Amino acid sequence: MALSPSERRILDELAERTAAEDPDYARRLATFGRHEPSAPGGPSWRVPVPAVAAGALLAVGFAVAAVAAANLDGIGGRRRGRHRRR
């Protein structure tokens, strides 16, 4: 839905006032949602990738351990649910 001319004018006036009163805040609002690779101290997509990979490996390790623990009964490796023959 497009803005009416009066709504657009009001938003432009707000943007001008904000830029005059707090230029840094106006700059941050103008770049909101855009990728700024040179922004110092900002979040980077490279940081979460190793953490996500480590978390995935940890989750797989826990899943394998849980399946192994559920299928094995002690060190002997007997499977649960099977009856011993007499």
C-alpha atoms as a PDB file:
ATOM      1  CA  MET A   1       0.000   0.000   0.000  1.00  0.00           C
ATOM      2  CA  ALA A   2       1.491   3.314  -1.084  1.00  0.00           C
ATOM      3  CA  LEU A   3       1.624   6.370   1.126  1.00  0.00           C
ATOM      4  CA  SER A   4      -0.490   9.390   0.376  1.00  0.00           C
ATOM      5  CA  PRO A   5       1.368  12.586  -0.562  1.00  0.00           C
ATOM      6  CA  SER A   6       0.625  14.125   2.857  1.00  0.00           C
ATOM      7  CA  GLU A   7       1.920  11.014   4.666  1.00  0.00           C
ATOM      8  CA  ARG A   8       5.048  11.022   2.520  1.00  0.00           C
ATOM      9  CA  ARG A   9       5.585  14.731   3.275  1.00  0.00           C
ATOM     10  CA  ILE A  10       5.220  14.125   7.036  1.00  0.00           C
ATOM     11  CA  LEU A  11       7.730  11.277   6.914  1.00  0.00           C
ATOM     12  CA  ASP A  12      10.191  13.404   4.945  1.00  0.00           C
ATOM     13  CA  GLU A  13       9.869  16.199   7.512  1.00  0.00           C
ATOM     14  CA  LEU A  14      10.482  13.736  10.351  1.00  0.00           C
ATOM     15  CA  ALA A  15      13.559  12.407   8.561  1.00  0.00           C
ATOM     16  CA  GLU A  16      14.933  15.927   8.054  1.00  0.00           C
ATOM     17  CA  ARG A  17      14.355  16.851  11.721  1.00  0.00           C
ATOM     18  CA  THR A  18      15.928  13.631  12.920  1.00  0.00           C
ATOM     19  CA  ALA A  19      18.975  14.164  10.708  1.00  0.00           C
ATOM     20  CA  ALA A  20      19.365  17.711  12.047  1.00  0.00           C
ATOM     21  CA  GLU A  21      18.985  16.727  15.720  1.00  0.00           C
ATOM     22  CA  ASP A  22      20.920  13.440  15.762  1.00  0.00           C
ATOM     23  CA  PRO A  23      22.912  12.703  12.601  1.00  0.00           C
ATOM     24  CA  ASP A  24      24.327   9.425  13.928  1.00  0.00           C
ATOM     25  CA  TYR A  25      20.852   8.080  14.730  1.00  0.00           C
ATOM     26  CA  ALA A  26      19.578   9.213  11.331  1.00  0.00           C
ATOM     27  CA  ARG A  27      22.466   7.388   9.636  1.00  0.00           C
ATOM     28  CA  ARG A  28      21.700   4.194  11.566  1.00  0.00           C
ATOM     29  CA  LEU A  29      18.023   4.433  10.619  1.00  0.00           C
ATOM     30  CA  ALA A  30      18.912   5.024   6.980  1.00  0.00           C
ATOM     31  CA  THR A  31      21.070   1.884   6.884  1.00  0.00           C
ATOM     32  CA  PHE A  32      18.733  -0.299   8.952  1.00  0.00           C
ATOM     33  CA  GLY A  33      18.370  -3.721   7.352  1.00  0.00           C
ATOM     34  CA  ARG A  34      21.233  -3.221   4.926  1.00  0.00           C
ATOM     35  CA  HIS A  35      24.521  -5.079   5.173  1.00  0.00           C
ATOM     36  CA  GLU A  36      27.430  -2.878   6.186  1.00  0.00           C
ATOM     37  CA  PRO A  37      30.578  -5.003   5.899  1.00  0.00           C
ATOM     38  CA  SER A  38      32.839  -2.200   7.127  1.00  0.00           C
ATOM     39  CA  ALA A  39      30.832  -1.331  10.241  1.00  0.00           C
ATOM     40  CA  PRO A  40      33.238  -1.630  13.181  1.00  0.00           C
ATOM     41  CA  GLY A  41      31.986  -3.719  16.056  1.00  0.00           C
ATOM     42  CA  GLY A  42      28.931  -4.866  14.169  1.00  0.00           C
ATOM     43  CA  PRO A  43      27.843  -8.460  13.928  1.00  0.00           C
ATOM     44  CA  SER A  44      29.342 -10.536  11.187  1.00  0.00           C
ATOM     45  CA  TRP A  45      27.951 -13.633   9.514  1.00  0.00           C
ATOM     46  CA  ARG A  46      31.369 -15.259   9.940  1.00  0.00           C
ATOM     47  CA  VAL A  47      31.052 -15.379  13.724  1.00  0.00           C
ATOM     48  CA  PRO A  48      27.932 -17.581  13.984  1.00  0.00           C
ATOM     49  CA  VAL A  49      29.019 -20.091  11.321  1.00  0.00           C
ATOM     50  CA  PRO A  50      31.631 -21.881  13.496  1.00  0.00           C
ATOM     51  CA  ALA A  51      29.280 -21.804  16.476  1.00  0.00           C
ATOM     52  CA  VAL A  52      26.455 -23.328  14.439  1.00  0.00           C
ATOM     53  CA  ALA A  53      28.797 -25.970  13.003  1.00  0.00           C
ATOM     54  CA  ALA A  54      30.073 -26.881  16.479  1.00  0.00           C
ATOM     55  CA  GLY A  55      26.511 -27.048  17.799  1.00  0.00           C
ATOM     56  CA  ALA A  56      25.467 -29.327  14.934  1.00  0.00           C
ATOM     57  CA  LEU A  57      28.410 -31.656  15.564  1.00  0.00           C
ATOM     58  CA  LEU A  58      27.591 -31.724  19.259  1.00  0.00           C
ATOM     59  CA  ALA A  59      23.941 -32.525  18.534  1.00  0.00           C
ATOM     60  CA  VAL A  60      24.933 -35.360  16.184  1.00  0.00           C
ATOM     61  CA  GLY A  61      27.317 -36.708  18.815  1.00  0.00           C
ATOM     62  CA  PHE A  62      24.582 -36.708  21.449  1.00  0.00           C
ATOM     63  CA  ALA A  63      22.164 -38.405  19.054  1.00  0.00           C
ATOM     64  CA  VAL A  64      24.669 -41.151  18.232  1.00  0.00           C
ATOM     65  CA  ALA A  65      25.417 -41.664  21.933  1.00  0.00           C
ATOM     66  CA  ALA A  66      21.705 -41.830  22.781  1.00  0.00           C
ATOM     67  CA  VAL A  67      21.011 -44.406  20.070  1.00  0.00           C
ATOM     68  CA  ALA A  68      24.005 -46.490  21.130  1.00  0.00           C
ATOM     69  CA  ALA A  69      22.968 -46.342  24.781  1.00  0.00           C
ATOM     70  CA  ALA A  70      19.402 -47.318  23.952  1.00  0.00           C
ATOM     71  CA  ASN A  71      20.449 -50.295  21.833  1.00  0.00           C
ATOM     72  CA  LEU A  72      23.187 -51.739  24.010  1.00  0.00           C
ATOM     73  CA  ASP A  73      22.871 -53.305  27.438  1.00  0.00           C
ATOM     74  CA  GLY A  74      26.156 -52.933  29.249  1.00  0.00           C
ATOM     75  CA  ILE A  75      29.643 -53.580  27.946  1.00  0.00           C
ATOM     76  CA  GLY A  76      28.851 -57.019  26.564  1.00  0.00           C
ATOM     77  CA  GLY A  77      26.825 -55.476  23.783  1.00  0.00           C
ATOM     78  CA  ARG A  78      23.655 -57.485  24.347  1.00  0.00           C
ATOM     79  CA  ARG A  79      20.640 -55.903  22.747  1.00  0.00           C
ATOM     80  CA  ARG A  80      17.666 -55.031  24.896  1.00  0.00           C
ATOM     81  CA  GLY A  81      14.382 -56.704  24.217  1.00  0.00           C
ATOM     82  CA  ARG A  82      15.831 -60.026  23.196  1.00  0.00           C
ATOM     83  CA  HIS A  83      15.397 -62.940  25.534  1.00  0.00           C
ATOM     84  CA  ARG A  84      18.265 -65.185  26.461  1.00  0.00           C
ATOM     85  CA  ARG A  85      17.930 -68.723  25.303  1.00  0.00           C
ATOM     86  CA  ARG A  86      17.924 -71.274  28.064  1.00  0.00           C
END
